N, C-alpha and C. Protein backbone atom coordinates (compact mmCIF):
# COMPACT_ATOMS: atom_id res chain seq x y z
N UNK A 1 -20.18 -14.97 -10.01
CA UNK A 1 -19.08 -14.51 -9.57
C UNK A 1 -17.85 -15.37 -9.56
N UNK A 2 -16.90 -14.88 -10.48
CA UNK A 2 -16.17 -15.93 -10.80
C UNK A 2 -14.83 -15.12 -11.22
N UNK A 3 -13.11 -15.63 -10.54
CA UNK A 3 -11.82 -14.94 -10.68
C UNK A 3 -11.44 -15.27 -12.51
N UNK A 4 -12.15 -16.57 -12.93
CA UNK A 4 -11.57 -16.78 -14.24
C UNK A 4 -12.65 -16.47 -15.20
N UNK A 5 -11.56 -16.68 -16.59
CA UNK A 5 -12.01 -16.27 -17.66
C UNK A 5 -11.31 -16.81 -18.82
N UNK A 6 -11.96 -18.19 -19.10
CA UNK A 6 -11.00 -18.85 -20.20
C UNK A 6 -9.70 -19.67 -19.34
N UNK A 7 -8.61 -19.01 -19.60
CA UNK A 7 -7.17 -19.55 -19.05
C UNK A 7 -7.18 -18.64 -18.31
N UNK A 8 -7.32 -17.74 -18.10
CA UNK A 8 -6.69 -16.74 -17.48
C UNK A 8 -7.29 -16.48 -15.77
N UNK A 9 -6.90 -16.30 -14.43
CA UNK A 9 -7.44 -16.24 -13.57
C UNK A 9 -7.00 -14.50 -13.24
N UNK A 10 -8.25 -13.77 -12.25
CA UNK A 10 -7.98 -12.27 -12.08
C UNK A 10 -7.88 -12.51 -10.42
N UNK A 11 -6.86 -12.03 -10.13
CA UNK A 11 -6.47 -11.83 -8.63
C UNK A 11 -6.66 -10.16 -7.96
N UNK A 12 -7.59 -10.21 -6.82
CA UNK A 12 -7.34 -9.05 -6.62
C UNK A 12 -7.21 -9.32 -4.97
N UNK A 13 -5.99 -8.74 -3.90
CA UNK A 13 -5.73 -8.44 -2.88
C UNK A 13 -5.45 -7.09 -1.98
N UNK A 14 -6.40 -7.31 -1.39
CA UNK A 14 -6.27 -5.78 -0.03
C UNK A 14 -5.66 -6.04 0.94
N UNK A 15 -4.62 -5.21 1.09
CA UNK A 15 -4.06 -5.34 2.91
C UNK A 15 -3.92 -4.49 3.37
N UNK A 16 -4.10 -4.22 4.70
CA UNK A 16 -4.18 -3.15 5.63
C UNK A 16 -2.69 -2.61 5.76
N UNK A 17 -2.61 -1.48 5.76
CA UNK A 17 -0.91 -1.07 6.07
C UNK A 17 -1.24 0.33 7.02
N UNK A 18 -0.56 0.01 8.13
CA UNK A 18 -0.35 1.26 8.93
C UNK A 18 0.02 2.31 8.47
N UNK A 19 -0.54 3.30 8.56
CA UNK A 19 -0.70 5.09 7.61
C UNK A 19 0.69 5.51 8.13
N UNK A 20 1.46 5.16 9.49
CA UNK A 20 2.71 6.04 9.52
C UNK A 20 3.86 5.32 8.68
N UNK A 21 3.54 3.93 7.89
CA UNK A 21 4.34 3.07 7.34
C UNK A 21 4.20 3.40 5.71
N UNK A 22 2.70 4.33 4.96
CA UNK A 22 2.50 4.09 3.84
C UNK A 22 3.66 4.80 2.74
N UNK A 23 4.46 5.63 3.48
CA UNK A 23 5.59 6.28 2.84
C UNK A 23 6.65 5.99 2.63
N UNK A 24 7.06 4.82 3.38
CA UNK A 24 7.85 3.52 3.41
C UNK A 24 7.50 2.50 2.62
N UNK A 25 6.17 2.19 1.79
CA UNK A 25 6.05 1.21 1.06
C UNK A 25 5.96 1.86 -0.25
N UNK A 26 5.53 3.33 -0.59
CA UNK A 26 5.68 4.20 -1.60
C UNK A 26 7.34 3.99 -2.17
N UNK A 27 8.26 4.40 -1.13
CA UNK A 27 9.72 4.53 -1.46
C UNK A 27 9.84 3.09 -1.71
N UNK A 28 9.36 1.99 -1.30
CA UNK A 28 10.14 0.56 -1.63
C UNK A 28 9.39 0.39 -3.23
N UNK A 29 8.27 0.80 -3.62
CA UNK A 29 7.71 0.87 -5.19
C UNK A 29 8.72 1.37 -6.14
N UNK A 30 9.13 3.09 -5.90
CA UNK A 30 9.80 3.84 -6.34
C UNK A 30 11.33 2.19 -6.57
N UNK A 31 11.77 2.59 -5.65
CA UNK A 31 12.74 1.85 -5.80
C UNK A 31 13.07 0.16 -6.43
N UNK A 32 12.28 -0.75 -6.73
CA UNK A 32 11.84 -1.17 -7.37
C UNK A 32 11.83 -1.01 -8.95
N UNK A 33 10.98 0.16 -8.89
CA UNK A 33 10.82 0.81 -10.56
C UNK A 33 12.12 1.39 -11.28
N UNK A 34 12.69 2.14 -10.34
CA UNK A 34 13.92 2.47 -10.98
C UNK A 34 15.43 1.10 -10.91
N UNK A 35 14.96 0.05 -10.02
CA UNK A 35 15.99 -0.84 -10.38
C UNK A 35 15.44 -2.32 -10.62
N UNK A 36 14.69 -2.41 -12.19
CA UNK A 36 14.10 -3.49 -12.32
C UNK A 36 14.71 -4.79 -12.78
N UNK A 37 15.60 -4.83 -12.77
CA UNK A 37 16.78 -6.08 -12.47
C UNK A 37 16.63 -7.12 -11.64
N UNK A 38 16.03 -6.01 -10.05
CA UNK A 38 15.93 -6.74 -8.70
C UNK A 38 14.45 -7.64 -9.05
N UNK A 39 13.90 -7.35 -9.81
CA UNK A 39 12.56 -8.13 -10.49
C UNK A 39 12.85 -8.94 -11.15
N UNK A 40 13.60 -9.96 -11.95
CA UNK A 40 14.17 -10.67 -12.72
C UNK A 40 13.43 -11.92 -12.60
N UNK A 41 12.99 -12.28 -11.54
CA UNK A 41 12.45 -13.57 -11.27
C UNK A 41 10.91 -13.72 -11.35
N UNK A 42 10.26 -12.42 -11.29
CA UNK A 42 9.03 -11.97 -11.51
C UNK A 42 8.86 -11.50 -13.25
N UNK A 43 9.36 -10.73 -13.74
CA UNK A 43 9.53 -10.93 -15.24
C UNK A 43 9.73 -12.21 -16.26
N UNK A 44 10.21 -12.69 -15.79
CA UNK A 44 10.65 -14.24 -16.08
C UNK A 44 9.63 -15.18 -16.59
N UNK A 45 8.45 -14.76 -15.19
CA UNK A 45 7.40 -15.97 -15.37
C UNK A 45 6.21 -15.70 -16.55
N UNK A 46 6.10 -16.77 -17.17
CA UNK A 46 5.82 -16.09 -18.53
C UNK A 46 3.84 -16.61 -18.24
N UNK A 47 3.73 -17.03 -17.23
CA UNK A 47 2.44 -17.22 -17.21
C UNK A 47 1.39 -15.49 -16.66
N UNK A 48 2.49 -14.94 -16.14
CA UNK A 48 1.78 -13.54 -15.57
C UNK A 48 1.69 -12.57 -16.76
N UNK A 49 -0.04 -12.11 -16.83
CA UNK A 49 -0.20 -10.97 -17.76
C UNK A 49 0.52 -9.47 -17.37
N UNK A 50 0.06 -9.32 -15.86
CA UNK A 50 0.77 -8.30 -15.47
C UNK A 50 0.26 -8.13 -14.07
N UNK A 51 1.05 -7.75 -13.11
CA UNK A 51 1.06 -7.49 -11.91
C UNK A 51 1.02 -6.03 -11.49
N UNK A 52 0.32 -5.33 -10.67
CA UNK A 52 0.64 -4.14 -10.05
C UNK A 52 0.04 -3.90 -8.81
N UNK A 53 1.00 -3.13 -7.93
CA UNK A 53 0.79 -2.74 -6.89
C UNK A 53 0.04 -1.40 -6.37
N UNK A 54 -0.75 -1.18 -5.54
CA UNK A 54 -1.03 0.65 -5.64
C UNK A 54 -1.55 0.91 -4.43
N UNK A 55 -0.93 1.91 -3.73
CA UNK A 55 -1.66 2.68 -2.22
C UNK A 55 -2.33 2.93 -2.28
N UNK A 56 -3.57 3.02 -1.47
CA UNK A 56 -4.75 3.65 -1.69
C UNK A 56 -4.80 3.68 0.28
N UNK A 57 -4.76 5.57 0.32
CA UNK A 57 -5.03 6.00 1.60
C UNK A 57 -6.42 5.66 2.31
N UNK A 58 -6.57 5.99 3.57
CA UNK A 58 -7.72 6.14 4.18
C UNK A 58 -8.98 7.01 3.49
N UNK A 59 -8.70 8.59 2.88
CA UNK A 59 -9.43 9.10 2.72
C UNK A 59 -9.42 9.22 1.14
N UNK A 60 -9.35 8.18 0.21
CA UNK A 60 -9.24 7.91 -0.90
C UNK A 60 -10.39 6.86 -1.90
N UNK A 61 -11.11 6.44 -0.68
CA UNK A 61 -11.92 5.47 -0.89
C UNK A 61 -13.57 6.20 -1.43
N UNK A 62 -13.68 5.92 -2.58
CA UNK A 62 -14.81 6.37 -3.17
C UNK A 62 -15.93 6.04 -2.40
N UNK A 63 -17.25 7.23 -1.90
CA UNK A 63 -18.24 7.71 -1.32
C UNK A 63 -19.28 7.11 -2.59
N UNK A 64 -19.84 5.50 -2.52
CA UNK A 64 -20.89 5.07 -3.57
C UNK A 64 -22.32 5.30 -2.79
N UNK A 65 -22.45 6.18 -1.76
CA UNK A 65 -23.58 6.22 -1.47
C UNK A 65 -23.67 5.43 0.00
N UNK A 66 -22.42 5.20 0.75
CA UNK A 66 -22.54 4.37 1.92
C UNK A 66 -22.27 5.31 2.79
N UNK A 67 -21.73 6.56 2.47
CA UNK A 67 -21.27 7.13 3.73
C UNK A 67 -19.79 7.26 3.67
N UNK A 68 -19.17 8.57 4.27
CA UNK A 68 -17.84 8.49 4.10
C UNK A 68 -17.57 7.63 5.62
N UNK A 69 -16.55 6.54 5.51
CA UNK A 69 -15.99 5.66 5.73
C UNK A 69 -14.71 6.27 6.65
N UNK A 70 -15.01 6.13 8.34
CA UNK A 70 -13.47 6.24 9.16
C UNK A 70 -12.56 4.91 9.06
N UNK A 71 -11.97 4.89 8.33
CA UNK A 71 -10.85 3.62 8.61
C UNK A 71 -9.72 3.90 9.53
N UNK A 72 -9.01 2.68 9.92
CA UNK A 72 -7.89 2.51 10.65
C UNK A 72 -6.74 2.80 10.06
N UNK A 73 -6.68 2.10 8.93
CA UNK A 73 -5.51 1.99 8.04
C UNK A 73 -5.86 2.55 6.84
N UNK A 74 -4.37 2.67 6.06
CA UNK A 74 -4.65 2.97 4.74
C UNK A 74 -4.38 1.32 3.97
N UNK A 75 -4.55 1.13 2.71
CA UNK A 75 -4.29 -0.40 2.27
C UNK A 75 -3.66 -0.32 1.03
N UNK A 76 -3.35 -1.41 0.78
CA UNK A 76 -2.44 -1.90 -0.59
C UNK A 76 -3.33 -2.52 -0.97
N UNK A 77 -3.33 -2.35 -2.74
CA UNK A 77 -4.34 -3.04 -3.73
C UNK A 77 -3.54 -3.74 -4.20
N UNK A 78 -3.31 -5.25 -4.67
CA UNK A 78 -2.52 -5.59 -5.67
C UNK A 78 -3.31 -6.49 -6.68
N UNK A 79 -3.19 -6.23 -7.59
CA UNK A 79 -3.80 -6.62 -8.80
C UNK A 79 -3.30 -7.57 -9.75
N UNK A 80 -3.52 -8.76 -10.42
CA UNK A 80 -2.78 -9.51 -11.57
C UNK A 80 -3.74 -10.25 -12.35
N UNK A 81 -3.45 -10.77 -13.57
CA UNK A 81 -3.78 -11.58 -14.06
C UNK A 81 -3.07 -12.85 -14.65
N UNK A 82 -3.06 -14.06 -14.55
CA UNK A 82 -2.12 -14.80 -15.17
C UNK A 82 -2.61 -16.40 -15.24
N UNK A 83 -2.32 -16.85 -16.16
CA UNK A 83 -2.89 -18.73 -16.63
C UNK A 83 -2.20 -19.48 -15.67
N UNK A 84 -3.09 -20.40 -15.87
CA UNK A 84 -2.99 -21.71 -14.64
C UNK A 84 -3.77 -21.09 -12.89
N UNK A 85 -3.36 -22.02 -12.50
CA UNK A 85 -4.21 -22.13 -11.15
C UNK A 85 -3.47 -21.15 -10.06
N UNK A 86 -4.64 -20.93 -9.05
CA UNK A 86 -4.20 -20.04 -8.01
C UNK A 86 -2.75 -20.74 -7.19
N UNK A 87 -3.14 -21.80 -6.80
CA UNK A 87 -1.83 -22.40 -6.39
C UNK A 87 -0.55 -22.37 -7.11
N UNK A 88 -0.46 -22.63 -8.44
CA UNK A 88 0.39 -22.37 -9.57
C UNK A 88 1.28 -20.86 -9.44
N UNK A 89 0.29 -20.31 -9.34
CA UNK A 89 0.91 -18.72 -9.61
C UNK A 89 1.42 -18.24 -8.04
N UNK A 90 0.88 -18.96 -6.88
CA UNK A 90 1.70 -18.14 -5.88
C UNK A 90 2.66 -19.19 -5.74
N UNK A 91 2.90 -20.22 -5.95
CA UNK A 91 4.33 -21.62 -5.89
C UNK A 91 5.23 -20.13 -6.28
N UNK A 92 4.74 -20.11 -8.03
CA UNK A 92 5.67 -19.51 -8.61
C UNK A 92 6.36 -17.97 -8.48
N UNK A 93 5.54 -17.20 -7.41
CA UNK A 93 5.73 -16.02 -6.88
C UNK A 93 6.82 -16.24 -6.35
N UNK A 94 6.37 -17.28 -4.95
CA UNK A 94 7.00 -17.22 -3.75
C UNK A 94 8.50 -17.95 -3.98
N UNK A 95 8.40 -18.86 -5.23
CA UNK A 95 9.74 -19.35 -5.80
C UNK A 95 10.54 -18.46 -6.50
N UNK A 96 9.81 -17.47 -7.24
CA UNK A 96 10.64 -16.96 -8.03
C UNK A 96 11.22 -15.52 -7.63
N UNK A 97 10.51 -14.93 -6.78
CA UNK A 97 10.94 -13.38 -6.26
C UNK A 97 10.33 -13.44 -4.40
N UNK A 98 11.18 -14.54 -4.01
CA UNK A 98 10.43 -14.35 -2.24
C UNK A 98 10.79 -13.23 -1.73
N UNK A 99 12.19 -12.54 -1.95
CA UNK A 99 12.48 -11.28 -1.22
C UNK A 99 11.74 -10.42 -1.34
N UNK A 100 11.22 -10.04 -3.18
CA UNK A 100 10.64 -9.14 -3.54
C UNK A 100 9.26 -9.04 -3.18
N UNK A 101 8.99 -10.11 -2.77
CA UNK A 101 7.40 -10.53 -2.32
C UNK A 101 7.37 -9.75 -0.77
N UNK A 102 8.41 -9.95 -0.06
CA UNK A 102 8.95 -9.54 1.53
C UNK A 102 8.90 -8.37 1.61
N UNK A 103 9.39 -7.22 0.37
CA UNK A 103 9.47 -5.76 0.39
C UNK A 103 8.12 -4.98 -0.22
N UNK A 104 7.70 -5.86 -1.13
CA UNK A 104 6.27 -5.48 -1.72
C UNK A 104 4.76 -5.74 -0.67
N UNK A 105 5.39 -6.61 0.18
CA UNK A 105 3.82 -6.55 1.58
C UNK A 105 5.01 -6.28 2.79
N UNK A 106 6.10 -5.59 3.19
CA UNK A 106 6.78 -5.26 3.72
C UNK A 106 6.10 -4.48 4.82
N UNK A 107 5.04 -3.24 4.93
CA UNK A 107 4.32 -2.58 5.77
C UNK A 107 2.86 -3.67 5.91
N UNK A 108 2.53 -3.97 5.44
CA UNK A 108 1.29 -4.38 5.59
C UNK A 108 1.07 -5.49 6.71
N UNK A 109 -0.37 -5.36 7.21
CA UNK A 109 -0.39 -5.62 8.55
C UNK A 109 0.18 -7.16 8.64
N UNK A 110 0.25 -7.78 9.50
CA UNK A 110 0.84 -9.41 9.93
C UNK A 110 1.19 -10.20 8.78
N UNK A 111 1.51 -9.70 7.99
CA UNK A 111 2.16 -10.04 6.55
C UNK A 111 3.29 -11.29 7.21
N UNK A 112 2.73 -12.49 6.94
CA UNK A 112 4.03 -13.67 7.31
C UNK A 112 5.40 -13.99 6.77
N UNK A 113 5.71 -13.58 5.34
CA UNK A 113 6.67 -13.90 4.69
C UNK A 113 6.27 -14.41 3.64
N UNK A 114 7.18 -14.55 2.75
CA UNK A 114 6.60 -15.99 1.76
C UNK A 114 7.09 -17.10 1.61
N UNK A 115 7.76 -17.07 2.44
CA UNK A 115 8.81 -18.56 2.83
C UNK A 115 8.69 -18.46 4.50
N UNK A 116 7.95 -19.73 5.01
CA UNK A 116 7.26 -20.91 4.14
C UNK A 116 5.91 -20.40 3.56
N UNK A 117 5.22 -21.29 2.39
CA UNK A 117 4.62 -20.92 1.86
C UNK A 117 3.62 -20.77 2.14
N UNK A 118 2.86 -21.91 3.28
CA UNK A 118 1.56 -22.20 3.69
C UNK A 118 1.05 -21.27 4.61
N UNK A 119 1.74 -20.23 5.39
CA UNK A 119 1.11 -19.01 5.99
C UNK A 119 0.91 -18.20 5.03
N UNK A 120 2.18 -17.76 3.87
CA UNK A 120 1.65 -16.92 2.96
C UNK A 120 0.47 -16.93 2.00
N UNK A 121 -0.06 -18.37 1.71
CA UNK A 121 -0.97 -18.82 0.97
C UNK A 121 -2.55 -18.41 2.03
N UNK A 122 -2.16 -18.49 2.87
CA UNK A 122 -3.40 -18.52 4.18
C UNK A 122 -3.55 -16.55 3.94
N UNK A 123 -2.60 -16.11 4.28
CA UNK A 123 -2.37 -14.39 4.29
C UNK A 123 -3.24 -14.17 2.81
N UNK A 124 -2.92 -14.41 2.02
CA UNK A 124 -3.56 -14.16 0.75
C UNK A 124 -5.11 -14.33 0.60
N UNK A 125 -4.84 -15.46 0.85
CA UNK A 125 -6.62 -15.80 1.13
C UNK A 125 -7.42 -14.72 1.91
N UNK A 126 -7.07 -15.02 2.70
CA UNK A 126 -7.78 -14.36 4.04
C UNK A 126 -8.12 -12.78 3.27
N UNK A 127 -6.85 -12.14 2.45
CA UNK A 127 -6.98 -10.63 2.29
C UNK A 127 -7.74 -10.60 0.84
N UNK A 128 -8.13 -11.98 -0.12
CA UNK A 128 -8.36 -11.93 -1.70
C UNK A 128 -9.75 -11.13 -1.36
N UNK A 129 -9.98 -10.52 -2.78
CA UNK A 129 -11.41 -9.82 -2.94
C UNK A 129 -11.67 -10.55 -4.39
N UNK A 130 -12.78 -11.74 -3.92
CA UNK A 130 -13.66 -11.82 -5.19
C UNK A 130 -13.94 -10.91 -6.78
N UNK A 131 -13.76 -11.45 -7.82
CA UNK A 131 -13.63 -10.37 -8.76
C UNK A 131 -15.28 -10.53 -9.44
N UNK A 132 -16.06 -9.60 -9.33
CA UNK A 132 -17.36 -9.71 -9.52
C UNK A 132 -17.70 -10.02 -10.80
N UNK A 133 -16.58 -8.65 -11.56
CA UNK A 133 -17.02 -8.92 -13.41
C UNK A 133 -15.53 -8.92 -13.98
N UNK A 134 -15.43 -9.86 -14.76
CA UNK A 134 -14.16 -10.13 -15.39
C UNK A 134 -13.73 -10.83 -16.73
N UNK A 135 -13.40 -9.38 -17.59
CA UNK A 135 -13.52 -9.26 -19.23
C UNK A 135 -12.04 -10.21 -19.77
N UNK A 136 -12.52 -11.25 -20.48
CA UNK A 136 -10.97 -11.35 -21.15
C UNK A 136 -10.85 -11.41 -22.68
N UNK A 137 -10.72 -10.50 -23.35
CA UNK A 137 -10.32 -10.78 -24.96
C UNK A 137 -10.27 -11.60 -25.37
N UNK A 138 -9.43 -12.50 -24.91
CA UNK A 138 -8.80 -13.90 -25.53
C UNK A 138 -8.83 -15.34 -24.57
N UNK A 139 -10.20 -15.13 -24.01
CA UNK A 139 -10.19 -16.46 -23.37
C UNK A 139 -9.63 -17.60 -23.64
N UNK A 140 -9.27 -18.15 -24.73
CA UNK A 140 -9.04 -19.51 -25.24
C UNK A 140 -7.40 -19.33 -25.29
N UNK A 141 -6.62 -18.04 -24.93
CA UNK A 141 -5.28 -17.78 -25.00
C UNK A 141 -4.95 -17.73 -24.25
N UNK A 142 -3.58 -17.88 -23.77
CA UNK A 142 -2.51 -17.57 -22.95
C UNK A 142 -1.31 -16.78 -23.27
N UNK A 143 -0.71 -16.30 -22.48
CA UNK A 143 0.04 -15.36 -22.82
C UNK A 143 1.12 -15.67 -24.00
N UNK A 144 1.65 -16.93 -23.51
CA UNK A 144 2.03 -17.82 -24.75
C UNK A 144 1.81 -17.71 -26.21
N UNK A 145 0.38 -18.46 -26.17
CA UNK A 145 -0.28 -18.33 -27.37
C UNK A 145 -0.61 -17.03 -27.88
N UNK A 146 -0.58 -16.21 -27.19
CA UNK A 146 -0.52 -14.81 -28.27
C UNK A 146 0.68 -14.28 -28.64
N UNK A 147 1.90 -14.45 -27.95
CA UNK A 147 3.05 -14.22 -28.57
C UNK A 147 3.23 -14.94 -29.70
N UNK A 148 2.83 -16.31 -29.60
CA UNK A 148 3.08 -17.60 -30.55
C UNK A 148 2.29 -16.59 -32.30
N UNK A 149 0.97 -16.15 -31.57
CA UNK A 149 0.42 -15.67 -32.93
C UNK A 149 0.71 -14.68 -33.50
N UNK A 150 0.99 -14.00 -32.83
CA UNK A 150 1.97 -12.65 -33.18
C UNK A 150 2.92 -12.97 -34.09
N UNK A 151 3.66 -14.06 -33.70
CA UNK A 151 4.98 -14.31 -34.33
C UNK A 151 4.58 -15.02 -35.58
N UNK A 152 3.53 -15.38 -36.06
CA UNK A 152 2.79 -16.30 -36.96
C UNK A 152 2.60 -15.00 -38.07
N UNK A 153 1.93 -13.77 -37.45
CA UNK A 153 1.42 -12.56 -38.34
C UNK A 153 2.61 -12.15 -38.81
N UNK A 154 3.40 -12.10 -37.91
CA UNK A 154 4.74 -11.55 -38.62
C UNK A 154 5.54 -12.12 -39.74
N UNK A 155 4.98 -13.40 -40.09
CA UNK A 155 5.64 -13.77 -40.97
C UNK A 155 4.64 -13.77 -42.05
N UNK A 156 3.75 -14.05 -41.85
CA UNK A 156 2.52 -14.37 -43.04
C UNK A 156 2.67 -12.84 -43.52
N UNK A 157 3.06 -11.40 -43.01
CA UNK A 157 2.71 -10.36 -43.36
C UNK A 157 4.32 -10.25 -44.12
N UNK A 158 5.32 -10.84 -43.93
CA UNK A 158 6.68 -10.73 -44.75
C UNK A 158 6.36 -11.56 -45.67
N UNK A 159 5.84 -12.57 -45.71
CA UNK A 159 5.33 -13.36 -47.13
C UNK A 159 4.58 -12.69 -48.12
N UNK A 160 3.53 -11.88 -47.50
CA UNK A 160 2.50 -11.13 -48.24
C UNK A 160 3.24 -9.91 -49.13
N UNK A 161 4.30 -9.64 -48.24
CA UNK A 161 4.85 -8.29 -49.05
C UNK A 161 5.85 -8.90 -50.14
N UNK A 162 6.42 -9.86 -49.99
CA UNK A 162 7.56 -10.70 -51.42
C UNK A 162 6.67 -11.13 -52.16
N UNK A 163 5.35 -11.41 -51.97
CA UNK A 163 4.66 -12.55 -52.55
C UNK A 163 4.49 -11.70 -54.44
N UNK A 164 4.09 -10.47 -54.95
CA UNK A 164 4.27 -9.72 -56.06
C UNK A 164 5.41 -10.11 -56.59
N UNK A 165 6.24 -9.67 -55.95
CA UNK A 165 7.78 -9.98 -56.88
C UNK A 165 8.73 -11.30 -57.06
N UNK A 166 8.09 -12.35 -56.18
CA UNK A 166 8.80 -13.23 -56.24
C UNK A 166 8.17 -14.41 -57.49
N UNK A 167 9.18 -15.08 -57.59
CA UNK A 167 8.83 -16.25 -58.73
C UNK A 167 8.01 -17.66 -57.80
N UNK A 168 7.43 -18.53 -58.19
CA UNK A 168 6.84 -19.53 -57.70
C UNK A 168 7.77 -20.41 -56.91
N UNK A 169 9.24 -20.57 -57.47
CA UNK A 169 9.96 -21.18 -56.82
C UNK A 169 10.65 -20.56 -55.55
N UNK A 170 11.00 -19.18 -55.69
CA UNK A 170 11.32 -18.16 -54.66
C UNK A 170 10.34 -18.08 -53.53
N UNK A 171 9.15 -17.87 -54.00
CA UNK A 171 8.34 -17.74 -53.37
C UNK A 171 8.08 -19.24 -51.82
N UNK A 172 8.04 -20.07 -52.74
CA UNK A 172 7.64 -21.52 -52.25
C UNK A 172 8.99 -21.60 -51.02
N UNK A 173 10.47 -21.46 -51.41
CA UNK A 173 11.31 -21.51 -50.24
C UNK A 173 10.96 -20.32 -49.62
N UNK A 174 10.78 -19.21 -49.68
CA UNK A 174 10.26 -18.04 -48.67
C UNK A 174 9.46 -19.03 -47.42
N UNK A 175 8.37 -19.86 -48.13
CA UNK A 175 7.23 -19.96 -47.46
C UNK A 175 7.64 -20.93 -46.45
N UNK A 176 8.90 -21.82 -47.10
CA UNK A 176 9.31 -23.22 -46.11
C UNK A 176 10.03 -22.52 -45.01
N UNK A 177 10.90 -21.66 -45.28
CA UNK A 177 11.68 -21.10 -44.37
C UNK A 177 10.74 -20.13 -43.14
N UNK A 178 9.95 -19.82 -43.62
CA UNK A 178 8.78 -19.38 -42.70
C UNK A 178 7.85 -20.24 -41.84
N UNK A 179 7.51 -21.07 -42.79
CA UNK A 179 7.01 -22.62 -42.03
C UNK A 179 7.99 -23.15 -40.70
N UNK A 180 9.09 -23.08 -41.07
CA UNK A 180 10.15 -22.98 -40.47
C UNK A 180 10.55 -22.84 -38.68
N UNK A 181 10.69 -21.42 -39.09
CA UNK A 181 10.43 -20.32 -38.24
C UNK A 181 9.53 -20.20 -37.02
N UNK A 182 8.39 -20.99 -37.38
CA UNK A 182 6.94 -20.58 -36.78
C UNK A 182 6.38 -21.76 -35.91
N UNK A 183 7.36 -23.10 -36.78
CA UNK A 183 6.37 -24.52 -36.44
C UNK A 183 6.34 -24.49 -35.36
N UNK A 184 7.02 -24.03 -34.04
CA UNK A 184 6.57 -24.42 -32.42
C UNK A 184 5.64 -23.30 -31.89
N UNK A 185 5.13 -22.28 -33.09
CA UNK A 185 3.72 -21.59 -32.60
C UNK A 185 2.55 -21.78 -33.23
N UNK A 186 2.62 -22.96 -33.78
CA UNK A 186 1.28 -23.29 -34.19
C UNK A 186 0.25 -24.33 -33.89
N UNK A 187 -0.11 -23.98 -31.96
CA UNK A 187 -0.45 -24.95 -31.26
C UNK A 187 -2.03 -24.68 -31.35
N UNK A 188 -2.84 -25.04 -30.81
CA UNK A 188 -4.49 -25.09 -30.75
C UNK A 188 -4.95 -24.31 -29.56
N UNK A 189 -5.58 -23.08 -30.08
CA UNK A 189 -6.44 -22.62 -28.91
C UNK A 189 -7.55 -23.21 -28.11
N UNK A 190 -7.87 -22.88 -26.80
CA UNK A 190 -9.06 -23.67 -26.51
C UNK A 190 -8.60 -22.99 -25.13
N UNK A 191 -9.89 -23.70 -24.17
CA UNK A 191 -10.29 -23.49 -22.94
C UNK A 191 -8.94 -24.57 -22.09
N UNK A 192 -8.56 -24.25 -21.25
CA UNK A 192 -7.68 -25.11 -19.96
C UNK A 192 -9.02 -26.10 -19.29
N UNK A 193 -8.34 -27.32 -18.85
CA UNK A 193 -8.96 -27.87 -18.30
C UNK A 193 -9.21 -27.71 -16.90
N UNK A 194 -10.43 -28.27 -16.35
CA UNK A 194 -11.29 -27.77 -15.23
C UNK A 194 -10.20 -27.90 -14.27
N UNK A 195 -9.88 -26.63 -13.69
CA UNK A 195 -8.80 -26.43 -12.31
C UNK A 195 -9.29 -26.76 -11.02
N UNK A 196 -10.50 -26.17 -10.86
CA UNK A 196 -11.28 -26.00 -9.33
C UNK A 196 -13.14 -26.01 -9.97
N UNK A 197 -13.72 -25.43 -8.90
CA UNK A 197 -15.09 -25.31 -8.97
C UNK A 197 -15.61 -24.29 -9.52
N UNK A 198 -14.61 -23.67 -9.45
CA UNK A 198 -14.79 -21.85 -9.69
C UNK A 198 -14.91 -21.85 -11.32
N UNK A 199 -13.85 -22.72 -11.81
CA UNK A 199 -13.63 -23.14 -13.60
C UNK A 199 -14.63 -23.60 -13.81
N UNK A 200 -14.91 -24.74 -13.02
CA UNK A 200 -16.11 -25.53 -13.70
C UNK A 200 -17.73 -24.29 -13.60
N UNK A 201 -17.78 -23.60 -12.74
CA UNK A 201 -19.07 -22.61 -12.80
C UNK A 201 -18.66 -21.57 -13.92
N UNK A 202 -17.69 -21.07 -14.03
CA UNK A 202 -17.47 -20.16 -15.15
C UNK A 202 -17.64 -21.02 -16.75
N UNK A 203 -17.31 -22.26 -16.43
CA UNK A 203 -17.68 -23.19 -18.04
C UNK A 203 -19.15 -23.27 -18.32
N UNK A 204 -19.90 -23.54 -17.29
CA UNK A 204 -21.26 -23.60 -17.20
C UNK A 204 -21.89 -22.59 -17.73
N UNK A 205 -21.48 -21.15 -17.71
CA UNK A 205 -22.16 -20.31 -17.75
C UNK A 205 -21.46 -19.24 -19.16
N UNK A 206 -20.45 -20.20 -19.64
CA UNK A 206 -19.88 -19.77 -21.17
C UNK A 206 -21.47 -19.86 -21.94
N UNK A 207 -21.10 -18.45 -22.75
CA UNK A 207 -22.30 -18.76 -23.64
C UNK A 207 -21.97 -20.24 -24.52
N UNK A 208 -23.04 -20.86 -25.51
CA UNK A 208 -23.02 -22.00 -26.18
C UNK A 208 -22.32 -23.49 -25.39
N UNK A 209 -22.07 -23.24 -23.95
CA UNK A 209 -22.14 -24.45 -23.16
C UNK A 209 -23.10 -25.01 -22.60
């Protein structure tokens, strides 16, 4: 069991919400969706693949054979994939949108606020659920690597389109111009350095290692 696949980390956090406040949390989510500028600090964090908050009511949990459960709370599920270590992610979140985090977890039981950072990290750790199965289509690439590769692909396709009608000199000039445009996009992919024991375990279990 590992939350890590290559350079990426999968986080799942489930926090209890008092049922009478679930409507308020949904209202906060709708307001954030309508005013995306309020999430500028989050959208600017290039290490994040995605982040999603979902409300799950007490009667919405699936019955997989364990029988219908009688729960005291509704729950908020937070899912995210990101590059880097767990600490780097939480630090970036807390620094980038501290007020936003306080709104997104506003109704969660015993939420301590995002600042100071230590109680917030303790709260996330206590409510985090390990990822049993995590598939990553590009384990050797971070988000920046993928964006860089797409830019290189765009330039290659542009060169292929002009090649049939270009003279050798014109094509050479176009090639040099394209190379200059993508010179910062030619890094090498690969698995990131070992950041934790969980990362080390996932490395040992990868095929071919």
